[in-house]
Amino acid sequence: FDNKYTVSGVIRRDGTSRILKNENKEITTWSAGLTWDVMKENFMERQHILTDLRLRGTYGKVPNINSIPGGSYGIGSNFYSIPSYLGAQEPAFSTTSYAGSSITGIAPGLSNPNLRMETVSKANIGIDLGFLKNRVRLTADFYKSLTKDLFVNQIQVATSGFYNTGLAVNAGTMSNKGVEIDLGVDIIKNRNVDVTFRWNHSYNVNKIEDLGKVTEYPQGTGIIKKGLPYGTHYSYWYLGAEPATGKPQYKKPDGTITTNINEAGQFYEFGSWFPKHEGGFSLDVRYQRFSASAFFSYQFDVRRYNNIQNWVTQGDATYTGAVTQSQILLTDQWRKPGDVKTIQSPAYSRQFTSYDITDAKFLRFRNLMLAYEIPELHIGTLKLVKSARFYVQGQNLVIWSPWSGLDPEDDNNISLAEFPNPKAVVVGIDINF
């Protein structure tokens, strides 16, 4: 309207054959957005600082069809891995032969014919700013999303006939809220020299809001629990070696200390393997035909389980490939009564504990490129090459991190069966004829 206000809206209908019940096969969702170009207002004509000012707001709801596994096996959602999406909705009764006839047996497990798709509702408020003839540009988005009907494994009571058996139900709710910022600054901009700085950063807070009738359930070294973020570590609290014996010490649920891991409690105060903060920044420089660009990325407020530390660099001598003479084992492992050391005696096996849940923050020099623009090439009046560009590029050059494993940059909780980002040098030339 009047080039100032833009209203948009979408209504969509999605369906999937992975849902068996006809009433739940399809879902209708919608979204709407409003943008206000404030610079078009008359009251902005008298100022000369801002060159762009837009306010944006959107709200919508979409289905998450990928929450349902596409094959016989797969992860159904963030909260629960459904081993068979067909069997979870309709039991496959066993058959047997009796007196020459085939008869149907009992159901091997519980099923839920009312499973439906997850849905994600998201609200977003954004602002676009431009200063000094748009040489300074800033975009900020504040969002909040709510994912509903996440799959939850609900354990059944004895009276159901399936005691201690899980039933897949749509009972989970999870929220995400945060901010995303994008900044660009043209520090120098003229015919011969350009210098531009860019920075982007995202901050996200995740929280499990509801699990239905389920209060919590562990998943390996993690836990799904109402009020905690998804990706929360769940482990024994390691308290170092007992000075008298070298036995490993653990924290009990009542806060006291034990050397018996069967008496130890498991705790969830060790953070999440999903970073709250992620971002990157770059500097692009051009001088006439020469150019250089450097890009760095980072993450922090994230912790991962360091399997390299647990199994190799500080592992048991019984582990294949374990390094028993590493510097930290020589200086910080218990050897004799009275030693006050962090690492237990080599006489006792290592366990999965909080000791190996380590900080996975990093700053990575991800990319460096040097280039030269080659001018047109002629032979007499014949133009052989319109333009050409020669460049040298380095990738994943350096990383600064307290992480001692192979690579801190991954989205799982345990650094297992993974490879670090490889360093690479690329030399190339682009030619336009």
Protein backbone atom coordinates (compact mmCIF):
# COMPACT_ATOMS: atom_id res chain seq x y z
CA PHE A 1 0.00 0.00 0.00
CA ASP A 2 1.47 3.35 -1.13
CA ASN A 3 4.89 1.61 -1.33
CA LYS A 4 5.05 1.87 2.47
CA TYR A 5 3.24 -1.19 3.75
CA THR A 6 3.52 -4.70 2.41
CA VAL A 7 1.23 -7.47 3.61
CA SER A 8 1.82 -11.08 2.62
CA GLY A 9 0.10 -14.31 3.49
CA VAL A 10 0.24 -17.99 2.65
CA ILE A 11 -2.24 -20.81 3.16
CA ARG A 12 -0.95 -24.29 2.46
CA ARG A 13 -2.18 -27.85 2.62
CA ASP A 14 0.34 -30.63 3.27
CA GLY A 15 -0.12 -34.35 3.35
CA THR A 16 1.95 -37.49 3.78
CA SER A 17 1.39 -41.19 3.17
CA ARG A 18 3.52 -41.96 6.23
CA ILE A 19 0.49 -41.27 8.42
CA LEU A 20 -2.01 -44.15 8.23
CA LYS A 21 -5.11 -42.56 9.71
CA ASN A 22 -7.00 -40.58 7.06
CA GLU A 23 -7.98 -37.81 9.47
CA ASN A 24 -4.32 -37.11 10.23
CA LYS A 25 -2.81 -37.51 6.76
CA GLU A 26 -3.25 -33.85 5.81
CA ILE A 27 -2.98 -30.54 7.62
CA THR A 28 -3.76 -26.93 6.69
CA THR A 29 -1.43 -24.20 7.94
CA TRP A 30 -0.97 -20.51 7.30
CA SER A 31 1.48 -17.64 7.72
CA ALA A 32 1.26 -13.85 7.45
CA GLY A 33 3.74 -11.01 7.36
CA LEU A 34 3.83 -7.20 7.47
CA THR A 35 6.64 -4.86 6.39
CA TRP A 36 6.71 -1.12 7.03
CA ASP A 37 9.15 0.94 4.97
CA VAL A 38 9.57 3.83 7.39
CA MET A 39 11.81 5.77 5.00
CA LYS A 40 8.79 6.41 2.77
CA GLU A 41 7.06 8.40 5.49
CA ASN A 42 7.05 12.20 5.20
CA PHE A 43 8.51 12.73 8.66
CA MET A 44 11.72 10.94 7.58
CA GLU A 45 12.53 13.48 4.87
CA ARG A 46 14.07 15.94 7.33
CA GLN A 47 16.76 13.59 8.64
CA HIS A 48 19.99 12.67 6.81
CA ILE A 49 21.48 9.91 8.94
CA LEU A 50 19.32 6.91 8.08
CA THR A 51 19.14 5.70 4.50
CA ASP A 52 17.11 2.58 5.21
CA LEU A 53 14.64 1.70 7.96
CA ARG A 54 12.24 -1.20 7.64
CA LEU A 55 10.24 -2.93 10.34
CA ARG A 56 9.12 -6.50 9.76
CA GLY A 57 6.82 -8.91 11.54
CA THR A 58 5.76 -12.44 10.64
CA TYR A 59 3.83 -15.24 12.24
CA GLY A 60 3.05 -18.65 10.86
CA LYS A 61 2.70 -22.35 11.35
CA VAL A 62 4.16 -25.15 9.23
CA PRO A 63 4.10 -28.95 9.49
CA ASN A 64 7.30 -30.92 9.99
CA ILE A 65 6.71 -33.87 7.71
CA ASN A 66 10.32 -34.98 8.11
CA SER A 67 9.57 -35.73 11.76
CA ILE A 68 8.22 -39.07 10.56
CA PRO A 69 10.86 -41.52 9.30
CA GLY A 70 10.76 -42.15 5.56
CA GLY A 71 11.93 -45.75 5.83
CA SER A 72 11.39 -48.66 8.15
CA TYR A 73 13.91 -47.21 10.59
CA GLY A 74 14.83 -43.66 11.44
CA ILE A 75 14.62 -40.86 13.92
CA GLY A 76 11.03 -39.76 14.34
CA SER A 77 11.74 -36.52 16.16
CA ASN A 78 14.19 -34.84 18.47
CA PHE A 79 12.73 -36.58 21.52
CA TYR A 80 12.25 -40.20 20.49
CA SER A 81 13.55 -42.51 17.78
CA ILE A 82 10.68 -44.55 16.36
CA PRO A 83 12.10 -47.89 15.15
CA SER A 84 9.26 -48.47 12.66
CA TYR A 85 6.78 -45.76 11.73
CA LEU A 86 4.32 -48.33 10.36
CA GLY A 87 4.52 -50.60 13.39
CA ALA A 88 4.14 -47.59 15.68
CA GLN A 89 0.69 -46.93 14.18
CA GLU A 90 -0.58 -50.42 13.37
CA PRO A 91 0.61 -53.65 15.04
CA ALA A 92 1.92 -56.45 12.86
CA PHE A 93 0.27 -59.51 14.39
CA SER A 94 2.26 -62.72 14.30
CA THR A 95 0.81 -65.87 12.74
CA THR A 96 1.28 -69.53 13.51
CA SER A 97 -0.01 -72.87 12.23
CA TYR A 98 -2.38 -75.06 14.21
CA ALA A 99 -4.06 -78.21 12.93
CA GLY A 100 -3.12 -77.31 9.39
CA SER A 101 -4.57 -73.79 9.59
CA SER A 102 -2.92 -70.41 9.95
CA ILE A 103 -4.09 -68.44 12.96
CA THR A 104 -3.29 -64.93 14.15
CA GLY A 105 -1.32 -64.51 17.35
CA ILE A 106 -1.28 -61.70 19.87
CA ALA A 107 0.05 -58.23 19.15
CA PRO A 108 3.83 -58.11 19.78
CA GLY A 109 3.64 -54.57 21.12
CA LEU A 110 1.60 -51.41 21.47
CA SER A 111 0.70 -49.13 18.58
CA ASN A 112 -0.90 -45.71 18.32
CA PRO A 113 -3.18 -45.17 15.31
CA ASN A 114 -3.57 -41.49 16.21
CA LEU A 115 -0.01 -40.35 15.45
CA ARG A 116 0.12 -37.05 13.57
CA MET A 117 2.65 -34.63 12.15
CA GLU A 118 4.64 -32.26 14.30
CA THR A 119 3.91 -28.56 13.78
CA VAL A 120 6.15 -25.53 14.25
CA SER A 121 4.70 -22.10 15.08
CA LYS A 122 7.09 -19.18 14.75
CA ALA A 123 6.85 -15.44 15.44
CA ASN A 124 9.52 -13.08 14.16
CA ILE A 125 10.12 -9.34 14.56
CA GLY A 126 12.88 -7.78 12.49
CA ILE A 127 14.47 -4.45 11.68
CA ASP A 128 16.63 -3.38 8.73
CA LEU A 129 18.80 -0.29 9.18
CA GLY A 130 21.06 1.62 6.82
CA PHE A 131 23.31 4.53 7.77
CA LEU A 132 25.55 6.93 5.87
CA LYS A 133 24.26 6.15 2.38
CA ASN A 134 24.02 2.46 3.34
CA ARG A 135 27.72 2.17 4.08
CA VAL A 136 26.64 0.79 7.45
CA ARG A 137 23.96 -1.91 7.27
CA LEU A 138 22.36 -3.72 10.19
CA THR A 139 19.70 -6.41 10.21
CA ALA A 140 18.34 -7.88 13.43
CA ASP A 141 15.69 -10.57 13.87
CA PHE A 142 14.10 -11.59 17.16
CA TYR A 143 12.20 -14.86 17.05
CA LYS A 144 10.34 -17.41 19.10
CA SER A 145 9.18 -20.79 17.85
CA LEU A 146 7.15 -23.56 19.44
CA THR A 147 7.27 -27.13 18.16
CA LYS A 148 4.27 -29.20 19.20
CA ASP A 149 3.31 -32.86 18.95
CA LEU A 150 6.88 -34.13 19.20
CA PHE A 151 7.08 -37.89 19.60
CA VAL A 152 7.52 -39.07 23.17
CA ASN A 153 8.10 -42.63 24.39
CA GLN A 154 5.40 -43.07 27.05
CA ILE A 155 5.99 -46.12 29.28
CA GLN A 156 2.79 -48.06 30.03
CA VAL A 157 1.53 -49.31 33.38
CA ALA A 158 1.09 -52.99 34.25
CA THR A 159 -2.70 -52.89 33.83
CA SER A 160 -2.27 -52.15 30.12
CA GLY A 161 -1.00 -55.68 29.55
CA PHE A 162 2.27 -54.26 28.24
CA TYR A 163 4.15 -53.44 31.42
CA ASN A 164 7.30 -51.35 30.95
CA THR A 165 6.60 -51.09 27.22
CA GLY A 166 6.87 -47.75 25.44
CA LEU A 167 4.12 -46.22 23.32
CA ALA A 168 4.89 -43.51 20.77
CA VAL A 169 2.62 -40.52 21.40
CA ASN A 170 2.48 -36.89 20.23
CA ALA A 171 3.04 -35.26 23.61
CA GLY A 172 6.25 -33.24 23.42
CA THR A 173 6.54 -29.45 23.17
CA MET A 174 9.80 -27.59 22.65
CA SER A 175 10.56 -23.88 22.34
CA ASN A 176 13.37 -21.92 20.73
CA LYS A 177 13.91 -18.21 21.10
CA GLY A 178 16.76 -15.94 20.22
CA VAL A 179 18.20 -13.24 18.02
CA GLU A 180 20.10 -13.15 14.74
CA ILE A 181 22.25 -10.14 13.84
CA ASP A 182 23.91 -9.27 10.53
CA LEU A 183 26.21 -6.24 10.26
CA GLY A 184 28.04 -4.87 7.23
CA VAL A 185 30.33 -1.81 7.16
CA ASP A 186 32.03 -0.29 4.12
CA ILE A 187 35.05 1.20 5.89
CA ILE A 188 36.63 2.54 2.69
CA LYS A 189 34.86 2.70 -0.64
CA ASN A 190 36.33 4.53 -3.65
CA ARG A 191 37.59 3.85 -7.13
CA ASN A 192 40.87 2.23 -6.10
CA VAL A 193 40.28 0.88 -2.60
CA ASP A 194 37.45 -1.05 -0.94
CA VAL A 195 37.51 -2.30 2.64
CA THR A 196 34.40 -4.05 3.97
CA PHE A 197 33.80 -5.68 7.33
CA ARG A 198 30.94 -8.14 7.93
CA TRP A 199 29.73 -9.86 11.09
CA ASN A 200 26.85 -12.20 11.84
CA HIS A 201 25.86 -13.73 15.13
CA SER A 202 23.03 -15.92 16.38
CA TYR A 203 21.93 -16.62 19.94
CA ASN A 204 19.41 -19.36 20.65
CA VAL A 205 17.82 -20.61 23.87
CA ASN A 206 16.19 -24.02 23.64
CA LYS A 207 13.85 -25.50 26.24
CA ILE A 208 11.75 -28.64 26.54
CA GLU A 209 8.37 -27.29 27.62
CA ASP A 210 6.30 -30.45 28.01
CA LEU A 211 6.57 -34.24 27.75
CA GLY A 212 2.98 -35.18 28.49
CA LYS A 213 2.80 -37.94 31.08
CA VAL A 214 6.56 -38.49 30.89
CA THR A 215 8.74 -36.58 33.34
CA GLU A 216 12.12 -37.49 31.88
CA TYR A 217 14.07 -40.24 30.24
CA PRO A 218 17.78 -40.72 29.64
CA GLN A 219 19.15 -41.28 26.14
CA GLY A 220 22.67 -42.62 26.43
CA THR A 221 24.84 -39.81 27.79
CA GLY A 222 22.00 -37.29 27.42
CA ILE A 223 18.62 -36.75 29.02
CA ILE A 224 15.21 -35.56 27.84
CA LYS A 225 13.67 -33.61 30.72
CA LYS A 226 11.07 -30.88 31.03
CA GLY A 227 12.67 -27.51 31.70
CA LEU A 228 16.06 -28.44 30.25
CA PRO A 229 17.40 -27.71 26.77
CA TYR A 230 17.52 -30.50 24.24
CA GLY A 231 21.05 -31.87 24.07
CA THR A 232 21.65 -31.75 27.83
CA HIS A 233 24.46 -34.03 29.01
CA TYR A 234 23.58 -36.62 31.65
CA SER A 235 26.51 -38.24 33.37
CA TYR A 236 28.26 -39.26 36.57
CA TRP A 237 29.88 -36.35 38.42
CA TYR A 238 33.59 -37.17 38.62
CA LEU A 239 35.48 -35.75 41.64
CA GLY A 240 39.05 -36.90 41.03
CA ALA A 241 41.16 -39.65 42.53
CA GLU A 242 40.87 -40.68 46.17
CA PRO A 243 44.26 -39.71 47.68
CA ALA A 244 44.61 -42.87 49.79
CA THR A 245 43.77 -45.50 47.17
CA GLY A 246 43.65 -43.81 43.75
CA LYS A 247 40.08 -44.99 43.25
CA PRO A 248 37.82 -42.75 41.16
CA GLN A 249 35.47 -40.61 43.24
CA TYR A 250 31.91 -39.74 42.27
CA LYS A 251 29.16 -37.54 43.63
CA LYS A 252 26.13 -39.31 45.12
CA PRO A 253 22.57 -37.98 44.73
CA ASP A 254 22.72 -36.64 48.31
CA GLY A 255 25.93 -34.72 47.58
CA THR A 256 28.31 -37.05 49.44
CA ILE A 257 31.27 -38.82 47.83
CA THR A 258 31.58 -42.48 46.86
CA THR A 259 34.12 -44.64 45.05
CA ASN A 260 31.42 -47.09 43.96
CA ILE A 261 29.93 -46.01 40.65
CA ASN A 262 26.80 -48.07 41.39
CA GLU A 263 26.09 -45.69 44.28
CA ALA A 264 26.82 -42.57 42.25
CA GLY A 265 24.10 -40.40 40.83
CA GLN A 266 23.76 -39.06 37.32
CA PHE A 267 23.42 -35.32 36.92
CA TYR A 268 22.51 -32.85 34.18
CA GLU A 269 24.48 -29.72 35.18
CA PHE A 270 27.08 -30.13 32.44
CA GLY A 271 25.60 -28.05 29.64
CA SER A 272 24.42 -28.95 26.15
CA TRP A 273 26.15 -30.11 22.99
CA PHE A 274 24.22 -27.53 20.96
CA PRO A 275 25.90 -24.10 21.05
CA LYS A 276 23.94 -21.09 22.26
CA HIS A 277 26.19 -18.72 20.33
CA GLU A 278 27.36 -19.11 16.73
CA GLY A 279 28.70 -16.59 14.27
CA GLY A 280 31.38 -15.39 11.93
CA PHE A 281 33.12 -12.29 10.65
CA SER A 282 35.04 -11.38 7.52
CA LEU A 283 37.23 -8.62 6.10
CA ASP A 284 37.33 -7.97 2.36
CA VAL A 285 40.02 -5.68 0.94
CA ARG A 286 40.55 -4.53 -2.66
CA TYR A 287 43.33 -2.37 -4.03
CA GLN A 288 42.93 -1.75 -7.75
CA ARG A 289 43.19 -5.25 -9.26
CA PHE A 290 44.37 -7.01 -6.11
CA SER A 291 41.92 -8.37 -3.53
CA ALA A 292 42.06 -10.32 -0.30
CA SER A 293 39.36 -11.74 1.93
CA ALA A 294 39.49 -13.52 5.27
CA PHE A 295 36.63 -15.30 7.02
CA PHE A 296 36.49 -16.52 10.62
CA SER A 297 33.74 -18.53 12.33
CA TYR A 298 33.13 -19.28 15.98
CA GLN A 299 30.87 -20.90 18.54
CA PHE A 300 30.73 -20.85 22.33
CA ASP A 301 28.61 -21.92 25.30
CA VAL A 302 28.76 -25.54 24.13
CA ARG A 303 30.20 -28.73 25.62
CA ARG A 304 30.81 -32.16 24.07
CA TYR A 305 31.91 -35.56 25.28
CA ASN A 306 35.59 -36.00 24.36
CA ASN A 307 35.98 -39.65 23.40
CA ILE A 308 39.56 -39.13 22.22
CA GLN A 309 40.45 -38.07 25.76
CA ASN A 310 38.51 -40.93 27.36
CA TRP A 311 39.75 -43.71 25.11
CA VAL A 312 43.11 -42.62 23.74
CA THR A 313 45.07 -39.75 25.27
CA GLN A 314 43.94 -40.50 28.84
CA GLY A 315 42.41 -43.94 28.37
CA ASP A 316 42.94 -47.31 30.01
CA ALA A 317 45.98 -49.30 28.99
CA THR A 318 43.56 -52.07 27.99
CA TYR A 319 42.06 -49.89 25.23
CA THR A 320 43.40 -50.61 21.77
CA GLY A 321 45.43 -47.60 20.69
CA ALA A 322 45.46 -45.98 24.12
CA VAL A 323 48.40 -43.67 24.85
CA THR A 324 49.65 -44.57 28.33
CA GLN A 325 52.61 -42.16 28.37
CA SER A 326 50.90 -38.87 27.50
CA GLN A 327 52.11 -35.79 29.38
CA ILE A 328 48.97 -35.38 31.46
CA LEU A 329 49.06 -39.02 32.59
CA LEU A 330 52.67 -38.60 33.67
CA THR A 331 51.94 -35.46 35.69
CA ASP A 332 48.31 -35.69 36.86
CA GLN A 333 47.56 -39.40 37.38
CA TRP A 334 47.53 -41.00 40.83
CA ARG A 335 50.62 -43.17 41.47
CA LYS A 336 51.06 -43.61 45.24
CA PRO A 337 49.08 -43.09 48.47
CA GLY A 338 48.81 -39.42 49.35
CA ASP A 339 48.81 -38.18 45.75
CA VAL A 340 46.22 -35.48 45.16
CA LYS A 341 45.57 -35.99 41.48
CA THR A 342 42.70 -35.51 39.04
CA ILE A 343 43.08 -38.79 37.15
CA GLN A 344 42.45 -42.05 38.95
CA SER A 345 44.95 -44.87 39.34
CA PRO A 346 45.60 -46.91 36.17
CA ALA A 347 44.44 -49.94 38.18
CA TYR A 348 40.83 -48.79 37.77
CA SER A 349 38.94 -48.62 34.49
CA ARG A 350 37.75 -45.30 33.08
CA GLN A 351 34.02 -44.60 32.92
CA PHE A 352 31.88 -42.14 31.00
CA THR A 353 31.82 -39.20 33.43
CA SER A 354 31.68 -35.44 33.61
CA TYR A 355 35.48 -35.30 33.47
CA ASP A 356 35.37 -35.88 29.72
CA ILE A 357 32.57 -33.39 29.01
CA THR A 358 34.74 -30.53 27.85
CA ASP A 359 34.38 -27.05 26.42
CA ALA A 360 33.94 -27.15 22.63
CA LYS A 361 34.09 -23.43 21.88
CA PHE A 362 36.34 -22.39 19.02
CA LEU A 363 37.49 -19.63 16.70
CA ARG A 364 38.33 -21.00 13.25
CA PHE A 365 40.23 -19.25 10.46
CA ARG A 366 37.96 -20.80 7.90
CA ASN A 367 38.95 -19.16 4.65
CA LEU A 368 41.63 -16.87 3.17
CA MET A 369 41.62 -15.85 -0.49
CA LEU A 370 44.12 -13.76 -2.44
CA ALA A 371 43.22 -12.80 -6.00
CA TYR A 372 44.36 -10.67 -8.93
CA GLU A 373 42.12 -9.47 -11.75
CA ILE A 374 43.91 -9.82 -15.08
CA PRO A 375 42.95 -7.17 -17.65
CA GLU A 376 41.81 -7.87 -21.20
CA LEU A 377 44.29 -9.65 -23.45
CA HIS A 378 44.63 -8.56 -27.09
CA ILE A 379 46.62 -9.60 -30.11
CA GLY A 380 46.37 -6.62 -32.37
CA THR A 381 42.69 -5.85 -32.64
CA LEU A 382 41.71 -9.40 -31.66
CA LYS A 383 40.39 -9.71 -28.10
CA LEU A 384 41.50 -13.12 -26.80
CA VAL A 385 40.33 -12.83 -23.20
CA LYS A 386 37.64 -10.50 -21.88
CA SER A 387 38.72 -10.95 -18.27
CA ALA A 388 40.56 -13.38 -16.04
CA ARG A 389 41.07 -13.86 -12.33
CA PHE A 390 43.90 -15.75 -10.67
CA TYR A 391 43.44 -16.77 -7.04
CA VAL A 392 44.93 -18.76 -4.17
CA GLN A 393 42.62 -19.97 -1.43
CA GLY A 394 43.32 -21.58 1.95
CA GLN A 395 40.60 -23.38 3.89
CA ASN A 396 40.46 -24.32 7.59
CA LEU A 397 43.89 -22.87 8.18
CA VAL A 398 43.93 -22.49 11.98
CA ILE A 399 41.62 -23.24 14.89
CA TRP A 400 41.87 -21.89 18.44
CA SER A 401 40.00 -24.01 20.97
CA PRO A 402 40.39 -25.60 24.43
CA TRP A 403 39.01 -28.80 22.87
CA SER A 404 41.65 -31.57 22.76
CA GLY A 405 39.79 -33.96 20.46
CA LEU A 406 39.93 -34.10 16.68
CA ASP A 407 37.53 -31.24 15.96
CA PRO A 408 35.09 -29.37 18.22
CA GLU A 409 32.75 -28.53 15.33
CA ASP A 410 30.06 -31.18 15.17
CA ASP A 411 26.39 -31.45 16.13
CA ASN A 412 26.43 -34.66 18.16
CA ASN A 413 27.18 -35.20 21.83
CA ILE A 414 30.12 -37.60 21.52
CA SER A 415 33.22 -37.12 19.37
CA LEU A 416 33.14 -40.61 17.94
CA ALA A 417 33.75 -41.91 14.40
CA GLU A 418 34.26 -38.43 12.95
CA PHE A 419 36.96 -36.63 11.00
CA PRO A 420 38.25 -33.08 11.46
CA ASN A 421 37.58 -30.41 8.85
CA PRO A 422 40.49 -30.84 6.42
CA LYS A 423 42.97 -28.11 5.63
CA ALA A 424 43.17 -27.33 1.93
CA VAL A 425 44.95 -25.00 -0.46
CA VAL A 426 43.32 -24.28 -3.82
CA VAL A 427 45.00 -22.51 -6.74
CA GLY A 428 42.81 -21.55 -9.69
CA ILE A 429 42.11 -19.23 -12.55
CA ASP A 430 38.79 -18.06 -14.00
CA ILE A 431 38.85 -16.99 -17.66
CA ASN A 432 36.06 -15.32 -19.64
CA PHE A 433 36.48 -15.37 -23.43
